Amino acid sequence: MREDASCYFFIISLPLIFRCASSVLGAALRAVQNTKTPMLISLVANAVNIVLNYLLIYTADLGVAGAAASSAVSYVLSGVLMYRACRKNRLLTWKWKEFSLEKGLLRECAVTGLPVLGVSIVSCLGYVVFAGLVSGMGTTVFAAHSIAVTAETIFYVPGYGLRSAASTLISSARGEGNMEKLKRTGLIGIFLTIGMMCVSGVLLYLSARFLMRIFSPAEEVVSLGAEMLRLVALSEPFFGFMVVLEGIFYGLGRTRYAFFVETAGMWGVRILFTFLCVRVWDLGLRAVWYCMIADNVCKALLFAVPALRILLSGRNHAAASERTGKPERRLSSL
């Protein structure tokens, strides 16, 4: 297993620059309100990955190496297509002769971008530690946990999609200095996300056992995993609330606060209490999933308090503008 894992990680690490380019350039396209192109490119890359997986794993009998090669090819394709899309966009195209590094712009990118990097590091390390804690609970428990987490991610898609949309539209409203548009966009994004995640939660609850049977024939694994999925299905609206608020804060440029929330939720709630439940109190998998839910709820609440203040402030300023006839103030201070 160790040799297969090493081979897999080595191969998918080779096109890392293309994977990074895809992520950064995709974000740039969304920032100029072109969300359709990154979506289409992702669909093409995923389709190529699926086809190559079948051909290389089963037809060519390459196994793990074939799976890794398929992913690597999809990363390269995605990066190249994102680059071409950016070069064709008049707002993002550039000439190398006119290209220069501006200290002020680099400083602004660092102030906004480094906390986002910190969020990714804190989150990824947290998931690794979290998985390590659960793995010590036994093979059956870990299998049920891993499969349930994988199945649940299918129902995350609406939340993450609306988070990207909210981040793009909020940043646009902030750039325009339009408080009323920012408020309206934020509230619509919140209500839409919560509504869609409520539907996702109901579907997840009803299909929990069916989803587990897709991944495992073992009855014990299916029963335990289905129980966890039904448990977390009830918290899907909180998860949607949390992710869309995170997108709003990214759109506002308040990435340092997002880093604080992620650190507090992941390490102060999920990891800490999972460690206590597993290593100190010797509780079962249900307690671990309660820790996951508590993490999402706490992060939602931490985002909600300042978000409501900002959105209500937007409403108050818009109302004052209508009464006085003065233009709304810009949002750079937010």
Protein backbone atom coordinates (compact mmCIF):
# COMPACT_ATOMS: atom_id res chain seq x y z
CA MET A 1 0.00 0.00 0.00
CA ARG A 2 2.83 2.40 0.86
CA GLU A 3 4.48 1.86 -2.55
CA ASP A 4 1.20 2.46 -4.36
CA ALA A 5 0.55 5.62 -2.34
CA SER A 6 4.07 6.92 -3.04
CA CYS A 7 3.66 6.23 -6.75
CA TYR A 8 0.29 7.99 -6.83
CA PHE A 9 1.47 11.12 -5.03
CA PHE A 10 4.64 11.31 -7.13
CA ILE A 11 2.72 11.25 -10.41
CA ILE A 12 0.02 13.75 -9.42
CA SER A 13 2.72 16.10 -8.05
CA LEU A 14 4.43 16.42 -11.44
CA PRO A 15 1.81 18.78 -12.97
CA LEU A 16 1.50 20.85 -9.78
CA ILE A 17 2.20 24.12 -11.62
CA PHE A 18 -0.72 23.44 -13.97
CA ARG A 19 -2.99 22.64 -11.03
CA CYS A 20 -2.02 25.92 -9.34
CA ALA A 21 -2.51 27.83 -12.59
CA SER A 22 -5.97 26.34 -12.98
CA SER A 23 -6.95 27.42 -9.48
CA VAL A 24 -5.54 30.96 -9.71
CA LEU A 25 -6.67 31.70 -13.26
CA GLY A 26 -10.10 30.21 -12.57
CA ALA A 27 -10.44 32.59 -9.62
CA ALA A 28 -9.38 35.48 -11.87
CA LEU A 29 -12.08 34.62 -14.41
CA ARG A 30 -14.71 34.45 -11.68
CA ALA A 31 -13.50 37.80 -10.33
CA VAL A 32 -14.40 39.46 -13.64
CA GLN A 33 -17.82 37.76 -13.46
CA ASN A 34 -17.03 35.03 -15.98
CA THR A 35 -18.17 32.04 -13.95
CA LYS A 36 -19.36 29.98 -16.93
CA THR A 37 -15.95 29.35 -18.50
CA PRO A 38 -14.30 27.86 -15.37
CA MET A 39 -17.34 25.62 -14.94
CA LEU A 40 -17.12 24.34 -18.52
CA ILE A 41 -13.37 23.78 -18.23
CA SER A 42 -13.88 21.84 -15.00
CA LEU A 43 -16.53 19.69 -16.69
CA VAL A 44 -14.20 18.93 -19.61
CA ALA A 45 -11.26 18.13 -17.32
CA ASN A 46 -13.39 15.86 -15.13
CA ALA A 47 -14.82 14.07 -18.16
CA VAL A 48 -11.32 13.44 -19.51
CA ASN A 49 -10.26 12.20 -16.08
CA ILE A 50 -13.15 9.72 -15.92
CA VAL A 51 -12.54 8.36 -19.43
CA LEU A 52 -8.79 8.01 -18.87
CA ASN A 53 -9.40 6.35 -15.50
CA TYR A 54 -11.38 3.61 -17.20
CA LEU A 55 -8.89 3.20 -20.05
CA LEU A 56 -5.72 3.24 -17.97
CA ILE A 57 -6.92 1.38 -14.88
CA TYR A 58 -8.96 -1.39 -16.51
CA THR A 59 -8.03 -1.53 -20.21
CA ALA A 60 -4.29 -0.87 -19.84
CA ASP A 61 -4.24 -2.55 -16.40
CA LEU A 62 -2.04 0.17 -14.87
CA GLY A 63 -3.89 0.25 -11.56
CA VAL A 64 -2.90 3.05 -9.18
CA ALA A 65 -0.39 4.48 -11.65
CA GLY A 66 -3.15 4.73 -14.25
CA ALA A 67 -5.44 6.56 -11.84
CA ALA A 68 -2.66 9.03 -11.02
CA ALA A 69 -1.79 9.55 -14.69
CA SER A 70 -5.45 10.29 -15.47
CA SER A 71 -5.58 12.94 -12.76
CA ALA A 72 -2.27 14.43 -13.92
CA VAL A 73 -3.50 14.76 -17.51
CA SER A 74 -6.72 16.42 -16.34
CA TYR A 75 -4.70 18.93 -14.26
CA VAL A 76 -2.54 19.84 -17.26
CA LEU A 77 -5.59 20.20 -19.51
CA SER A 78 -7.40 22.38 -16.97
CA GLY A 79 -4.39 24.65 -16.48
CA VAL A 80 -3.84 25.12 -20.22
CA LEU A 81 -7.51 25.83 -20.92
CA MET A 82 -7.74 28.33 -18.05
CA TYR A 83 -4.66 30.13 -19.40
CA ARG A 84 -6.15 30.34 -22.88
CA ALA A 85 -9.45 31.62 -21.48
CA CYS A 86 -7.64 34.37 -19.56
CA ARG A 87 -5.64 35.40 -22.62
CA LYS A 88 -8.87 35.79 -24.59
CA ASN A 89 -10.54 37.89 -21.89
CA ARG A 90 -9.92 41.59 -22.54
CA LEU A 91 -9.95 42.37 -18.82
CA LEU A 92 -7.27 39.80 -18.02
CA THR A 93 -5.05 39.79 -21.10
CA TRP A 94 -1.60 41.37 -20.84
CA LYS A 95 1.57 42.04 -22.84
CA TRP A 96 4.83 40.75 -21.42
CA LYS A 97 6.68 43.90 -22.56
CA GLU A 98 4.35 46.04 -20.44
CA PHE A 99 4.36 43.67 -17.48
CA SER A 100 5.90 44.95 -14.23
CA LEU A 101 5.69 44.12 -10.55
CA GLU A 102 4.17 46.97 -8.56
CA LYS A 103 5.08 47.03 -4.88
CA GLY A 104 1.72 48.42 -3.84
CA LEU A 105 -0.17 45.77 -5.76
CA LEU A 106 2.06 43.00 -4.41
CA ARG A 107 1.51 44.29 -0.88
CA GLU A 108 -2.25 44.30 -1.39
CA CYS A 109 -2.14 40.77 -2.82
CA ALA A 110 -0.11 39.61 0.17
CA VAL A 111 -2.47 41.21 2.69
CA THR A 112 -5.47 39.54 1.06
CA GLY A 113 -3.88 36.33 -0.19
CA LEU A 114 -1.72 35.17 2.71
CA PRO A 115 -4.70 34.65 5.06
CA VAL A 116 -6.39 32.60 2.31
CA LEU A 117 -3.23 30.49 2.11
CA GLY A 118 -3.39 30.16 5.87
CA VAL A 119 -7.00 28.98 5.66
CA SER A 120 -6.00 26.22 3.22
CA ILE A 121 -3.06 25.12 5.39
CA VAL A 122 -5.08 25.12 8.60
CA SER A 123 -7.95 23.28 6.93
CA CYS A 124 -5.85 20.63 5.15
CA LEU A 125 -3.71 19.88 8.19
CA GLY A 126 -6.86 19.71 10.28
CA TYR A 127 -8.46 17.14 7.98
CA VAL A 128 -5.29 15.02 8.08
CA VAL A 129 -5.19 15.07 11.88
CA PHE A 130 -8.94 14.45 12.05
CA ALA A 131 -8.67 11.41 9.76
CA GLY A 132 -5.75 10.14 11.83
CA LEU A 133 -7.81 10.33 15.02
CA VAL A 134 -10.71 8.44 13.45
CA SER A 135 -8.42 5.79 11.92
CA GLY A 136 -7.49 4.63 15.41
CA MET A 137 -11.10 3.63 16.10
CA GLY A 138 -10.89 0.46 14.01
CA THR A 139 -11.09 -0.64 10.39
CA THR A 140 -14.89 -0.89 10.21
CA VAL A 141 -15.45 2.48 11.86
CA PHE A 142 -12.86 4.20 9.68
CA ALA A 143 -14.32 2.63 6.52
CA ALA A 144 -17.83 3.78 7.45
CA HIS A 145 -16.53 7.26 8.28
CA SER A 146 -14.50 7.64 5.07
CA ILE A 147 -17.30 6.41 2.82
CA ALA A 148 -19.87 8.61 4.56
CA VAL A 149 -17.65 11.68 4.18
CA THR A 150 -17.18 10.90 0.48
CA ALA A 151 -20.92 10.42 -0.03
CA GLU A 152 -21.71 13.66 1.79
CA THR A 153 -19.45 15.71 -0.49
CA ILE A 154 -21.89 15.09 -3.35
CA PHE A 155 -24.43 17.23 -1.51
CA TYR A 156 -21.93 20.03 -0.81
CA VAL A 157 -21.84 21.09 -4.45
CA PRO A 158 -24.74 23.62 -4.36
CA GLY A 159 -23.26 25.34 -1.31
CA TYR A 160 -19.80 25.71 -2.79
CA GLY A 161 -21.18 26.85 -6.12
CA LEU A 162 -23.24 29.60 -4.51
CA ARG A 163 -20.26 30.57 -2.34
CA SER A 164 -18.24 31.28 -5.49
CA ALA A 165 -21.13 33.24 -6.97
CA ALA A 166 -21.62 35.25 -3.78
CA SER A 167 -17.91 36.03 -3.53
CA THR A 168 -17.81 37.27 -7.13
CA LEU A 169 -20.95 39.42 -6.87
CA ILE A 170 -20.05 40.83 -3.45
CA SER A 171 -16.58 41.84 -4.64
CA SER A 172 -18.16 43.50 -7.68
CA ALA A 173 -20.60 45.47 -5.51
CA ARG A 174 -17.75 46.43 -3.18
CA GLY A 175 -15.69 47.67 -6.12
CA GLU A 176 -18.63 49.77 -7.32
CA GLY A 177 -19.16 51.16 -3.83
CA ASN A 178 -22.82 50.15 -4.03
CA MET A 179 -23.98 49.35 -0.49
CA GLU A 180 -27.54 48.53 -1.51
CA LYS A 181 -26.39 46.07 -4.16
CA LEU A 182 -23.99 44.47 -1.69
CA LYS A 183 -26.75 44.04 0.89
CA ARG A 184 -29.23 42.65 -1.63
CA THR A 185 -26.68 40.28 -3.14
CA GLY A 186 -25.58 39.03 0.26
CA LEU A 187 -29.09 38.33 1.51
CA ILE A 188 -30.18 36.64 -1.73
CA GLY A 189 -27.07 34.47 -1.65
CA ILE A 190 -27.71 33.48 1.97
CA PHE A 191 -31.38 32.59 1.43
CA LEU A 192 -30.70 30.70 -1.80
CA THR A 193 -27.88 28.68 -0.26
CA ILE A 194 -29.83 27.79 2.87
CA GLY A 195 -32.84 26.79 0.76
CA MET A 196 -30.79 24.59 -1.56
CA MET A 197 -28.93 22.98 1.33
CA CYS A 198 -32.25 22.21 3.02
CA VAL A 199 -33.25 20.29 -0.10
CA SER A 200 -29.83 18.61 -0.19
CA GLY A 201 -30.21 17.65 3.46
CA VAL A 202 -33.59 16.01 2.83
CA LEU A 203 -32.22 14.08 -0.16
CA LEU A 204 -29.16 13.01 1.83
CA TYR A 205 -31.32 11.80 4.71
CA LEU A 206 -33.59 9.77 2.43
CA SER A 207 -30.79 8.25 0.33
CA ALA A 208 -28.25 7.62 3.10
CA ARG A 209 -28.42 3.83 3.03
CA PHE A 210 -28.52 3.67 -0.77
CA LEU A 211 -25.39 5.82 -1.02
CA MET A 212 -23.49 3.65 1.44
CA ARG A 213 -24.41 0.49 -0.48
CA ILE A 214 -22.85 1.96 -3.63
CA PHE A 215 -19.45 2.02 -1.91
CA SER A 216 -19.56 -1.03 0.35
CA PRO A 217 -21.40 -4.38 0.53
CA ALA A 218 -20.57 -4.84 4.23
CA GLU A 219 -23.77 -4.47 6.25
CA GLU A 220 -21.99 -3.18 9.36
CA VAL A 221 -20.25 -0.45 7.37
CA VAL A 222 -23.48 0.46 5.54
CA SER A 223 -25.53 0.72 8.74
CA LEU A 224 -22.97 2.82 10.61
CA GLY A 225 -22.29 5.10 7.65
CA ALA A 226 -26.00 5.60 6.93
CA GLU A 227 -26.55 6.57 10.56
CA MET A 228 -23.83 9.23 10.28
CA LEU A 229 -25.23 10.57 7.00
CA ARG A 230 -28.70 10.96 8.48
CA LEU A 231 -27.17 12.74 11.44
CA VAL A 232 -25.20 15.24 9.36
CA ALA A 233 -28.12 15.73 6.92
CA LEU A 234 -29.91 17.70 9.63
CA SER A 235 -27.02 20.19 9.77
CA GLU A 236 -26.71 20.81 6.02
CA PRO A 237 -28.46 24.24 6.25
CA PHE A 238 -25.86 25.35 8.81
CA PHE A 239 -23.10 24.17 6.51
CA GLY A 240 -24.60 26.10 3.60
CA PHE A 241 -24.97 29.18 5.80
CA MET A 242 -21.32 28.90 6.78
CA VAL A 243 -19.88 28.47 3.28
CA VAL A 244 -21.87 31.32 1.71
CA LEU A 245 -20.85 33.66 4.54
CA GLU A 246 -17.25 32.64 3.98
CA GLY A 247 -17.66 33.58 0.32
CA ILE A 248 -19.13 36.94 1.32
CA PHE A 249 -16.13 37.66 3.54
CA TYR A 250 -13.76 36.72 0.73
CA GLY A 251 -15.64 39.10 -1.55
CA LEU A 252 -15.29 41.86 1.04
CA GLY A 253 -11.56 41.20 1.28
CA ARG A 254 -11.83 40.29 4.97
CA THR A 255 -9.69 37.20 4.62
CA ARG A 256 -7.91 37.61 7.96
CA TYR A 257 -11.19 37.14 9.78
CA ALA A 258 -11.94 34.08 7.64
CA PHE A 259 -8.56 32.67 8.71
CA PHE A 260 -9.43 33.27 12.37
CA VAL A 261 -12.81 31.55 11.98
CA GLU A 262 -11.33 28.53 10.21
CA THR A 263 -8.60 28.13 12.83
CA ALA A 264 -11.03 28.49 15.73
CA GLY A 265 -13.54 26.06 14.24
CA MET A 266 -11.15 23.41 12.95
CA TRP A 267 -8.64 23.30 15.80
CA GLY A 268 -10.57 24.82 18.68
CA VAL A 269 -13.71 22.74 18.12
CA ARG A 270 -13.35 19.82 15.70
CA ILE A 271 -9.81 18.59 16.46
CA LEU A 272 -9.83 19.38 20.19
CA PHE A 273 -13.15 17.72 20.96
CA THR A 274 -12.56 14.81 18.59
CA PHE A 275 -9.32 14.11 20.45
CA LEU A 276 -11.17 14.21 23.76
CA CYS A 277 -14.00 12.01 22.47
CA VAL A 278 -11.67 9.40 20.96
CA ARG A 279 -8.61 9.36 23.21
CA VAL A 280 -9.96 10.51 26.59
CA TRP A 281 -13.67 9.69 26.82
CA ASP A 282 -13.55 6.65 24.48
CA LEU A 283 -16.78 7.57 22.69
CA GLY A 284 -17.99 6.24 19.34
CA LEU A 285 -18.21 7.59 15.80
CA ARG A 286 -21.45 9.44 16.52
CA ALA A 287 -19.57 11.70 18.96
CA VAL A 288 -16.95 12.40 16.30
CA TRP A 289 -19.62 13.49 13.84
CA TYR A 290 -21.17 15.69 16.50
CA CYS A 291 -17.77 17.41 16.65
CA MET A 292 -17.89 17.92 12.87
CA ILE A 293 -21.35 19.43 13.11
CA ALA A 294 -20.30 21.65 16.04
CA ASP A 295 -17.38 22.92 13.96
CA ASN A 296 -19.69 23.98 11.11
CA VAL A 297 -22.26 25.55 13.46
CA CYS A 298 -19.61 27.52 15.38
CA LYS A 299 -18.06 28.82 12.16
CA ALA A 300 -21.50 29.81 10.87
CA LEU A 301 -22.18 31.79 14.05
CA LEU A 302 -18.75 33.47 14.00
CA PHE A 303 -19.33 34.57 10.41
CA ALA A 304 -22.97 35.55 11.01
CA VAL A 305 -22.41 38.22 13.67
CA PRO A 306 -20.17 40.58 11.65
CA ALA A 307 -21.92 39.67 8.38
CA LEU A 308 -25.29 40.82 9.69
CA ARG A 309 -23.68 43.99 10.98
CA ILE A 310 -22.27 44.73 7.52
CA LEU A 311 -25.51 43.89 5.70
CA LEU A 312 -27.63 45.93 8.11
CA SER A 313 -25.12 48.77 7.84
CA GLY A 314 -25.60 48.61 4.07
CA ARG A 315 -29.36 48.95 4.50
CA ASN A 316 -29.02 51.87 6.91
CA HIS A 317 -26.63 53.74 4.64
CA ALA A 318 -28.87 53.17 1.62
CA ALA A 319 -31.87 54.51 3.52
CA ALA A 320 -29.89 57.54 4.65
CA SER A 321 -28.78 58.14 1.08
CA GLU A 322 -32.37 58.18 -0.14
CA ARG A 323 -33.40 60.66 2.57
CA THR A 324 -30.49 63.07 2.10
CA GLY A 325 -29.89 62.67 -1.61
CA LYS A 326 -26.20 62.06 -0.93
CA PRO A 327 -24.45 59.15 -2.66
CA GLU A 328 -23.70 56.04 -0.67
CA ARG A 329 -20.20 55.86 0.75
CA ARG A 330 -17.68 53.44 -0.77
CA LEU A 331 -16.92 50.17 0.92
CA SER A 332 -13.15 50.26 1.11
CA SER A 333 -13.28 50.56 4.89
CA LEU A 334 -15.09 47.21 5.13
